[in-house]
């Protein structure tokens, strides 16, 4: 699958004005450095490498030339401008998140997306910071994770699917964190995945180009438990045991475009 663009982004300090942005598996986080401040992420704090490979080119994007051809000076200039616009937009989105919810929300978003890729996501993955949860108490920060995992309906159970996503995506990301400085201080993770009948696919394995239902499960993690994880006084296994879980339900938000169809 061709790469639509590849660029590095450095986070800079600045005030922000809006919230609730997404970073897709269009994105690989190659380095995460964090210098703590009370309300902002320091200059150069986050380095990202973004590869827009699983979603279609946005309007106005410049595709790479075919092998053996070269860009004219005019096209090269347009391509650089398009990439710079994408960089500027992503920087603004990350800056907004840090200002609105605290600096560590950006680090956690980056870590979660990185772990979806390391876990072998075969469909598009995406991490969205949705803001304050719709729970009655309203005291959890909701982060929605489209894990890119597709499970065999016949060979998995709700418990095995949840444990796989926790052990391969959520727990490694949480273990990376040195503290959880975000607002609200408690966390709601929404983990999304696909279900397929592998017996009905051509090679008996997950096929992200076919239609399949999406499901999600909600985990609520208390601020006190997250603080214990950050201080290494509690491991991710105990955190999972303390989490409040809701049963699986249909995926409830818009999905990114599929990679293809048959």
C-alpha atoms as a PDB file:
ATOM      1  CA  UNK A   1       0.000   0.000   0.000  1.00  0.00           C
ATOM      2  CA  UNK A   2       1.563   3.355  -1.025  1.00  0.00           C
ATOM      3  CA  UNK A   3       2.510   5.894   1.608  1.00  0.00           C
ATOM      4  CA  UNK A   4       0.657   9.144   1.061  1.00  0.00           C
ATOM      5  CA  UNK A   5       3.080  11.274   3.046  1.00  0.00           C
ATOM      6  CA  UNK A   6       5.792  10.981   5.649  1.00  0.00           C
ATOM      7  CA  UNK A   7       6.847  13.807   7.899  1.00  0.00           C
ATOM      8  CA  UNK A   8       8.190  14.645  11.329  1.00  0.00           C
ATOM      9  CA  UNK A   9       6.415  16.977  13.734  1.00  0.00           C
ATOM     10  CA  UNK A  10       7.782  18.833  16.762  1.00  0.00           C
ATOM     11  CA  UNK A  11       5.390  20.135  19.394  1.00  0.00           C
ATOM     12  CA  UNK A  12       5.748  23.830  20.344  1.00  0.00           C
ATOM     13  CA  UNK A  13       4.309  25.890  23.195  1.00  0.00           C
ATOM     14  CA  UNK A  14       1.321  28.092  22.437  1.00  0.00           C
ATOM     15  CA  UNK A  15      -2.198  28.727  23.707  1.00  0.00           C
ATOM     16  CA  UNK A  16      -5.012  26.667  22.211  1.00  0.00           C
ATOM     17  CA  UNK A  17      -8.679  27.264  21.554  1.00  0.00           C
ATOM     18  CA  UNK A  18     -10.480  23.984  20.770  1.00  0.00           C
ATOM     19  CA  UNK A  19     -10.467  20.346  21.862  1.00  0.00           C
ATOM     20  CA  UNK A  20     -11.311  16.755  21.015  1.00  0.00           C
ATOM     21  CA  UNK A  21      -8.899  15.806  18.209  1.00  0.00           C
ATOM     22  CA  UNK A  22      -7.850  12.505  16.632  1.00  0.00           C
ATOM     23  CA  UNK A  23      -4.548  10.970  15.670  1.00  0.00           C
ATOM     24  CA  UNK A  24      -4.878   8.014  13.283  1.00  0.00           C
ATOM     25  CA  UNK A  25      -2.879   4.956  12.348  1.00  0.00           C
ATOM     26  CA  UNK A  26      -2.032   6.994   9.701  1.00  0.00           C
ATOM     27  CA  UNK A  27       0.542   7.784  12.366  1.00  0.00           C
ATOM     28  CA  UNK A  28       3.576   6.115  13.892  1.00  0.00           C
ATOM     29  CA  UNK A  29       5.032   7.757  16.980  1.00  0.00           C
ATOM     30  CA  UNK A  30       8.784   7.292  16.679  1.00  0.00           C
ATOM     31  CA  UNK A  31       9.943   9.258  19.706  1.00  0.00           C
ATOM     32  CA  UNK A  32       8.243  10.722  22.741  1.00  0.00           C
ATOM     33  CA  UNK A  33      10.108  13.121  24.986  1.00  0.00           C
ATOM     34  CA  UNK A  34       8.417  15.007  27.737  1.00  0.00           C
ATOM     35  CA  UNK A  35       9.546  17.918  29.868  1.00  0.00           C
ATOM     36  CA  UNK A  36       6.845  18.497  32.428  1.00  0.00           C
ATOM     37  CA  UNK A  37       5.150  21.848  32.950  1.00  0.00           C
ATOM     38  CA  UNK A  38       2.033  22.595  34.876  1.00  0.00           C
ATOM     39  CA  UNK A  39      -0.233  23.437  31.938  1.00  0.00           C
ATOM     40  CA  UNK A  40       1.665  22.938  28.701  1.00  0.00           C
ATOM     41  CA  UNK A  41       3.975  20.628  26.834  1.00  0.00           C
ATOM     42  CA  UNK A  42       7.432  22.162  26.406  1.00  0.00           C
ATOM     43  CA  UNK A  43       8.907  23.070  23.022  1.00  0.00           C
ATOM     44  CA  UNK A  44      10.210  20.026  21.208  1.00  0.00           C
ATOM     45  CA  UNK A  45       8.461  17.816  23.742  1.00  0.00           C
ATOM     46  CA  UNK A  46       6.874  15.414  21.270  1.00  0.00           C
ATOM     47  CA  UNK A  47       8.364  14.109  18.064  1.00  0.00           C
ATOM     48  CA  UNK A  48       6.017  12.276  15.740  1.00  0.00           C
ATOM     49  CA  UNK A  49       6.461  10.506  12.470  1.00  0.00           C
ATOM     50  CA  UNK A  50       3.174  10.431  10.600  1.00  0.00           C
ATOM     51  CA  UNK A  51       2.522   8.125   7.686  1.00  0.00           C
ATOM     52  CA  UNK A  52      -0.820   8.645   5.966  1.00  0.00           C
ATOM     53  CA  UNK A  53      -0.895   5.122   4.612  1.00  0.00           C
ATOM     54  CA  UNK A  54      -4.243   3.632   5.602  1.00  0.00           C
ATOM     55  CA  UNK A  55      -6.589   6.469   4.697  1.00  0.00           C
ATOM     56  CA  UNK A  56      -7.230   8.058   1.324  1.00  0.00           C
ATOM     57  CA  UNK A  57      -5.328  11.188   0.367  1.00  0.00           C
ATOM     58  CA  UNK A  58      -7.079  14.274   1.711  1.00  0.00           C
ATOM     59  CA  UNK A  59      -8.327  16.823  -0.744  1.00  0.00           C
ATOM     60  CA  UNK A  60      -5.432  18.764  -2.155  1.00  0.00           C
ATOM     61  CA  UNK A  61      -2.767  16.279  -1.040  1.00  0.00           C
ATOM     62  CA  UNK A  62       0.135  15.567  -3.370  1.00  0.00           C
ATOM     63  CA  UNK A  63       0.853  11.909  -4.188  1.00  0.00           C
ATOM     64  CA  UNK A  64       4.439  10.741  -4.592  1.00  0.00           C
ATOM     65  CA  UNK A  65       5.595  10.532  -8.239  1.00  0.00           C
ATOM     66  CA  UNK A  66       5.826   7.206 -10.005  1.00  0.00           C
ATOM     67  CA  UNK A  67       9.201   5.464  -9.885  1.00  0.00           C
ATOM     68  CA  UNK A  68      11.599   6.879 -12.435  1.00  0.00           C
ATOM     69  CA  UNK A  69       9.952  10.303 -12.540  1.00  0.00           C
ATOM     70  CA  UNK A  70      10.729  13.483 -10.652  1.00  0.00           C
ATOM     71  CA  UNK A  71       8.745  16.471  -9.448  1.00  0.00           C
ATOM     72  CA  UNK A  72       9.080  19.777 -11.195  1.00  0.00           C
ATOM     73  CA  UNK A  73      10.261  22.668  -9.008  1.00  0.00           C
ATOM     74  CA  UNK A  74       6.674  23.967  -8.934  1.00  0.00           C
ATOM     75  CA  UNK A  75       5.237  20.598  -7.894  1.00  0.00           C
ATOM     76  CA  UNK A  76       7.991  20.100  -5.317  1.00  0.00           C
ATOM     77  CA  UNK A  77       7.135  23.464  -3.797  1.00  0.00           C
ATOM     78  CA  UNK A  78       3.424  22.583  -3.704  1.00  0.00           C
ATOM     79  CA  UNK A  79       4.212  19.245  -2.073  1.00  0.00           C
ATOM     80  CA  UNK A  80       6.306  20.909   0.630  1.00  0.00           C
ATOM     81  CA  UNK A  81       3.509  23.385   1.299  1.00  0.00           C
ATOM     82  CA  UNK A  82       0.946  20.576   1.578  1.00  0.00           C
ATOM     83  CA  UNK A  83       3.140  18.693   4.050  1.00  0.00           C
ATOM     84  CA  UNK A  84       3.760  21.862   6.051  1.00  0.00           C
ATOM     85  CA  UNK A  85       0.017  22.488   6.253  1.00  0.00           C
ATOM     86  CA  UNK A  86      -0.477  18.953   7.586  1.00  0.00           C
ATOM     87  CA  UNK A  87       2.302  19.452  10.121  1.00  0.00           C
ATOM     88  CA  UNK A  88       0.836  22.760  11.274  1.00  0.00           C
ATOM     89  CA  UNK A  89      -2.613  21.226  11.662  1.00  0.00           C
ATOM     90  CA  UNK A  90      -1.324  18.310  13.697  1.00  0.00           C
ATOM     91  CA  UNK A  91       0.772  20.582  15.919  1.00  0.00           C
ATOM     92  CA  UNK A  92      -2.278  22.730  16.606  1.00  0.00           C
ATOM     93  CA  UNK A  93      -4.408  19.703  17.465  1.00  0.00           C
ATOM     94  CA  UNK A  94      -1.825  18.328  19.901  1.00  0.00           C
ATOM     95  CA  UNK A  95      -1.304  21.752  21.441  1.00  0.00           C
ATOM     96  CA  UNK A  96      -5.060  22.059  21.922  1.00  0.00           C
ATOM     97  CA  UNK A  97      -5.273  18.723  23.705  1.00  0.00           C
ATOM     98  CA  UNK A  98      -2.410  19.564  26.055  1.00  0.00           C
ATOM     99  CA  UNK A  99      -3.914  22.938  26.923  1.00  0.00           C
ATOM    100  CA  UNK A 100      -7.446  21.613  27.374  1.00  0.00           C
ATOM    101  CA  UNK A 101      -6.823  18.391  29.288  1.00  0.00           C
ATOM    102  CA  UNK A 102      -3.242  18.508  30.567  1.00  0.00           C
ATOM    103  CA  UNK A 103       0.150  17.592  29.076  1.00  0.00           C
ATOM    104  CA  UNK A 104       0.029  13.861  29.743  1.00  0.00           C
ATOM    105  CA  UNK A 105      -3.070  13.282  27.627  1.00  0.00           C
ATOM    106  CA  UNK A 106      -0.941  13.811  24.500  1.00  0.00           C
ATOM    107  CA  UNK A 107       1.667  11.339  25.715  1.00  0.00           C
ATOM    108  CA  UNK A 108      -0.988   8.739  26.520  1.00  0.00           C
ATOM    109  CA  UNK A 109      -2.643   9.231  23.142  1.00  0.00           C
ATOM    110  CA  UNK A 110       0.719   8.718  21.455  1.00  0.00           C
ATOM    111  CA  UNK A 111       1.522   5.655  23.545  1.00  0.00           C
ATOM    112  CA  UNK A 112      -1.860   4.049  22.844  1.00  0.00           C
ATOM    113  CA  UNK A 113      -1.514   4.539  19.104  1.00  0.00           C
ATOM    114  CA  UNK A 114       2.016   3.147  19.132  1.00  0.00           C
ATOM    115  CA  UNK A 115       0.824   0.051  20.983  1.00  0.00           C
ATOM    116  CA  UNK A 116      -1.992  -0.596  18.495  1.00  0.00           C
ATOM    117  CA  UNK A 117       0.670  -0.822  15.810  1.00  0.00           C
ATOM    118  CA  UNK A 118       2.974  -2.988  17.909  1.00  0.00           C
ATOM    119  CA  UNK A 119       0.023  -5.279  18.676  1.00  0.00           C
ATOM    120  CA  UNK A 120      -0.268  -6.025  14.966  1.00  0.00           C
ATOM    121  CA  UNK A 121      -3.284  -3.952  13.963  1.00  0.00           C
ATOM    122  CA  UNK A 122      -4.481  -5.263  10.624  1.00  0.00           C
ATOM    123  CA  UNK A 123      -7.231  -2.687  10.156  1.00  0.00           C
ATOM    124  CA  UNK A 124      -7.022   1.071  10.591  1.00  0.00           C
ATOM    125  CA  UNK A 125      -6.312   2.168  14.143  1.00  0.00           C
ATOM    126  CA  UNK A 126      -7.160   5.510  15.659  1.00  0.00           C
ATOM    127  CA  UNK A 127      -6.974   7.197  19.059  1.00  0.00           C
ATOM    128  CA  UNK A 128      -9.397  10.015  19.885  1.00  0.00           C
ATOM    129  CA  UNK A 129      -9.523  12.161  23.008  1.00  0.00           C
ATOM    130  CA  UNK A 130     -13.233  12.815  23.399  1.00  0.00           C
ATOM    131  CA  UNK A 131     -13.158  14.953  26.536  1.00  0.00           C
ATOM    132  CA  UNK A 132     -15.178  14.498  29.701  1.00  0.00           C
ATOM    133  CA  UNK A 133     -17.048  11.195  29.707  1.00  0.00           C
ATOM    134  CA  UNK A 134     -20.805  11.087  29.357  1.00  0.00           C
ATOM    135  CA  UNK A 135     -20.973   9.085  32.574  1.00  0.00           C
ATOM    136  CA  UNK A 136     -23.436  10.504  35.130  1.00  0.00           C
ATOM    137  CA  UNK A 137     -20.582  11.469  37.440  1.00  0.00           C
ATOM    138  CA  UNK A 138     -18.762  13.199  34.581  1.00  0.00           C
ATOM    139  CA  UNK A 139     -15.396  12.757  36.295  1.00  0.00           C
ATOM    140  CA  UNK A 140     -13.547  10.622  33.729  1.00  0.00           C
ATOM    141  CA  UNK A 141     -11.545  11.657  30.680  1.00  0.00           C
ATOM    142  CA  UNK A 142     -12.690   9.519  27.767  1.00  0.00           C
ATOM    143  CA  UNK A 143     -10.153   8.239  25.234  1.00  0.00           C
ATOM    144  CA  UNK A 144     -11.470   6.118  22.383  1.00  0.00           C
ATOM    145  CA  UNK A 145      -9.091   3.577  20.866  1.00  0.00           C
ATOM    146  CA  UNK A 146      -9.867   1.870  17.583  1.00  0.00           C
ATOM    147  CA  UNK A 147      -7.361  -0.940  18.079  1.00  0.00           C
ATOM    148  CA  UNK A 148      -7.241  -2.309  14.534  1.00  0.00           C
ATOM    149  CA  UNK A 149      -7.830  -5.798  15.934  1.00  0.00           C
ATOM    150  CA  UNK A 150     -10.246  -8.214  14.232  1.00  0.00           C
ATOM    151  CA  UNK A 151     -11.238 -11.300  16.203  1.00  0.00           C
ATOM    152  CA  UNK A 152     -12.685 -14.607  15.063  1.00  0.00           C
ATOM    153  CA  UNK A 153     -16.251 -14.691  16.331  1.00  0.00           C
ATOM    154  CA  UNK A 154     -16.150 -18.481  16.766  1.00  0.00           C
ATOM    155  CA  UNK A 155     -12.749 -18.714  18.464  1.00  0.00           C
ATOM    156  CA  UNK A 156     -12.954 -15.772  20.889  1.00  0.00           C
ATOM    157  CA  UNK A 157     -15.109 -14.691  23.802  1.00  0.00           C
ATOM    158  CA  UNK A 158     -15.856 -11.243  25.244  1.00  0.00           C
ATOM    159  CA  UNK A 159     -13.372 -11.964  28.038  1.00  0.00           C
ATOM    160  CA  UNK A 160     -10.582 -13.207  25.745  1.00  0.00           C
ATOM    161  CA  UNK A 161     -11.027 -10.226  23.420  1.00  0.00           C
ATOM    162  CA  UNK A 162     -10.879  -7.773  26.311  1.00  0.00           C
ATOM    163  CA  UNK A 163      -7.810  -9.431  27.838  1.00  0.00           C
ATOM    164  CA  UNK A 164      -6.022  -9.395  24.479  1.00  0.00           C
ATOM    165  CA  UNK A 165      -6.650  -5.682  23.945  1.00  0.00           C
ATOM    166  CA  UNK A 166      -5.688  -4.875  27.517  1.00  0.00           C
ATOM    167  CA  UNK A 167      -2.486  -6.918  27.502  1.00  0.00           C
ATOM    168  CA  UNK A 168      -1.349  -5.877  24.016  1.00  0.00           C
ATOM    169  CA  UNK A 169      -2.523  -2.249  23.800  1.00  0.00           C
ATOM    170  CA  UNK A 170      -3.793  -0.612  26.978  1.00  0.00           C
ATOM    171  CA  UNK A 171      -1.431  -2.035  29.609  1.00  0.00           C
ATOM    172  CA  UNK A 172       1.825  -1.348  27.709  1.00  0.00           C
ATOM    173  CA  UNK A 173       0.711   2.225  27.027  1.00  0.00           C
ATOM    174  CA  UNK A 174      -0.225   2.854  30.652  1.00  0.00           C
ATOM    175  CA  UNK A 175       3.034   1.307  31.839  1.00  0.00           C
ATOM    176  CA  UNK A 176       4.940   3.887  29.775  1.00  0.00           C
ATOM    177  CA  UNK A 177       3.491   6.763  31.757  1.00  0.00           C
ATOM    178  CA  UNK A 178       5.509   8.385  34.541  1.00  0.00           C
ATOM    179  CA  UNK A 179       2.433  10.256  35.753  1.00  0.00           C
ATOM    180  CA  UNK A 180      -1.128  10.959  34.672  1.00  0.00           C
ATOM    181  CA  UNK A 181      -1.425  14.729  34.640  1.00  0.00           C
ATOM    182  CA  UNK A 182      -4.728  15.301  32.889  1.00  0.00           C
ATOM    183  CA  UNK A 183      -8.178  16.627  33.681  1.00  0.00           C
ATOM    184  CA  UNK A 184     -10.432  14.916  34.772  1.00  0.00           C
ATOM    185  CA  UNK A 185      -7.974  12.732  36.654  1.00  0.00           C
ATOM    186  CA  UNK A 186      -9.845   9.441  36.193  1.00  0.00           C
ATOM    187  CA  UNK A 187      -9.829   7.703  32.811  1.00  0.00           C
ATOM    188  CA  UNK A 188     -12.378   5.932  30.643  1.00  0.00           C
ATOM    189  CA  UNK A 189     -10.861   3.838  27.856  1.00  0.00           C
ATOM    190  CA  UNK A 190     -13.139   2.756  25.024  1.00  0.00           C
ATOM    191  CA  UNK A 191     -11.501  -0.126  23.145  1.00  0.00           C
ATOM    192  CA  UNK A 192     -12.912  -0.885  19.705  1.00  0.00           C
ATOM    193  CA  UNK A 193     -12.429  -3.973  17.525  1.00  0.00           C
ATOM    194  CA  UNK A 194     -13.964  -5.967  14.689  1.00  0.00           C
ATOM    195  CA  UNK A 195     -15.617  -9.385  14.640  1.00  0.00           C
ATOM    196  CA  UNK A 196     -15.459 -11.743  11.654  1.00  0.00           C
ATOM    197  CA  UNK A 197     -16.227 -15.357  10.873  1.00  0.00           C
ATOM    198  CA  UNK A 198     -12.761 -16.438   9.777  1.00  0.00           C
ATOM    199  CA  UNK A 199     -14.179 -19.652   8.337  1.00  0.00           C
ATOM    200  CA  UNK A 200     -15.947 -17.523   5.708  1.00  0.00           C
ATOM    201  CA  UNK A 201     -12.833 -15.657   4.531  1.00  0.00           C
ATOM    202  CA  UNK A 202     -10.673 -16.794   1.630  1.00  0.00           C
ATOM    203  CA  UNK A 203      -7.672 -17.888   3.706  1.00  0.00           C
ATOM    204  CA  UNK A 204      -9.380 -18.485   7.049  1.00  0.00           C
ATOM    205  CA  UNK A 205      -7.865 -15.349   8.598  1.00  0.00           C
ATOM    206  CA  UNK A 206      -8.990 -11.800   9.347  1.00  0.00           C
ATOM    207  CA  UNK A 207      -9.657  -9.762   6.214  1.00  0.00           C
ATOM    208  CA  UNK A 208      -9.953  -5.998   6.825  1.00  0.00           C
ATOM    209  CA  UNK A 209     -11.263  -5.407   3.282  1.00  0.00           C
ATOM    210  CA  UNK A 210     -14.493  -7.286   4.009  1.00  0.00           C
ATOM    211  CA  UNK A 211     -17.482  -5.869   5.846  1.00  0.00           C
ATOM    212  CA  UNK A 212     -17.675  -6.828   9.519  1.00  0.00           C
ATOM    213  CA  UNK A 213     -19.417  -5.507  12.635  1.00  0.00           C
ATOM    214  CA  UNK A 214     -17.504  -3.310  15.056  1.00  0.00           C
ATOM    215  CA  UNK A 215     -17.796  -3.611  18.817  1.00  0.00           C
ATOM    216  CA  UNK A 216     -16.471  -1.652  21.782  1.00  0.00           C
ATOM    217  CA  UNK A 217     -15.916  -2.166  25.488  1.00  0.00           C
ATOM    218  CA  UNK A 218     -15.577   0.523  28.173  1.00  0.00           C
ATOM    219  CA  UNK A 219     -13.084   0.414  31.051  1.00  0.00           C
ATOM    220  CA  UNK A 220     -13.097   3.026  33.820  1.00  0.00           C
ATOM    221  CA  UNK A 221      -9.872   3.562  35.766  1.00  0.00           C
ATOM    222  CA  UNK A 222      -9.860   5.613  38.968  1.00  0.00           C
ATOM    223  CA  UNK A 223      -7.374   8.432  39.494  1.00  0.00           C
ATOM    224  CA  UNK A 224      -6.063   6.870  42.710  1.00  0.00           C
ATOM    225  CA  UNK A 225      -5.234   3.615  40.911  1.00  0.00           C
ATOM    226  CA  UNK A 226      -3.547   5.467  38.036  1.00  0.00           C
ATOM    227  CA  UNK A 227      -1.375   7.307  40.562  1.00  0.00           C
ATOM    228  CA  UNK A 228      -0.307   3.967  42.029  1.00  0.00           C
ATOM    229  CA  UNK A 229       0.613   2.703  38.560  1.00  0.00           C
ATOM    230  CA  UNK A 230       2.662   5.836  37.887  1.00  0.00           C
ATOM    231  CA  UNK A 231       4.547   5.394  41.170  1.00  0.00           C
ATOM    232  CA  UNK A 232       5.075   1.699  40.324  1.00  0.00           C
ATOM    233  CA  UNK A 233       3.131   0.720  43.446  1.00  0.00           C
ATOM    234  CA  UNK A 234       0.546  -1.143  41.330  1.00  0.00           C
ATOM    235  CA  UNK A 235       1.083  -3.151  38.163  1.00  0.00           C
ATOM    236  CA  UNK A 236      -1.186  -3.207  35.146  1.00  0.00           C
ATOM    237  CA  UNK A 237      -2.605  -6.583  36.123  1.00  0.00           C
ATOM    238  CA  UNK A 238      -3.909  -5.203  39.407  1.00  0.00           C
ATOM    239  CA  UNK A 239      -5.156  -2.098  37.606  1.00  0.00           C
ATOM    240  CA  UNK A 240      -7.172  -4.332  35.293  1.00  0.00           C
ATOM    241  CA  UNK A 241      -8.677  -6.102  38.293  1.00  0.00           C
ATOM    242  CA  UNK A 242      -9.705  -2.730  39.754  1.00  0.00           C
ATOM    243  CA  UNK A 243     -11.217  -1.432  36.493  1.00  0.00           C
ATOM    244  CA  UNK A 244     -14.967  -1.025  36.170  1.00  0.00           C
ATOM    245  CA  UNK A 245     -16.150  -2.726  32.993  1.00  0.00           C
ATOM    246  CA  UNK A 246     -19.220  -2.425  30.806  1.00  0.00           C
ATOM    247  CA  UNK A 247     -20.408  -5.244  28.510  1.00  0.00           C
ATOM    248  CA  UNK A 248     -19.496  -5.182  24.828  1.00  0.00           C
ATOM    249  CA  UNK A 249     -21.735  -3.050  22.657  1.00  0.00           C
ATOM    250  CA  UNK A 250     -21.803  -1.874  19.023  1.00  0.00           C
ATOM    251  CA  UNK A 251     -19.165   0.700  18.028  1.00  0.00           C
ATOM    252  CA  UNK A 252     -20.825   4.071  18.522  1.00  0.00           C
ATOM    253  CA  UNK A 253     -18.866   6.608  16.466  1.00  0.00           C
ATOM    254  CA  UNK A 254     -17.872   7.195  12.855  1.00  0.00           C
ATOM    255  CA  UNK A 255     -15.224   4.825  11.542  1.00  0.00           C
ATOM    256  CA  UNK A 256     -12.283   5.751   9.304  1.00  0.00           C
ATOM    257  CA  UNK A 257     -12.567   4.532   5.687  1.00  0.00           C
ATOM    258  CA  UNK A 258     -11.816   0.857   5.110  1.00  0.00           C
ATOM    259  CA  UNK A 259      -8.689  -0.038   3.183  1.00  0.00           C
ATOM    260  CA  UNK A 260     -10.637  -1.593   0.332  1.00  0.00           C
ATOM    261  CA  UNK A 261     -13.566  -3.837  -0.530  1.00  0.00           C
ATOM    262  CA  UNK A 262     -14.337  -6.993  -2.398  1.00  0.00           C
END
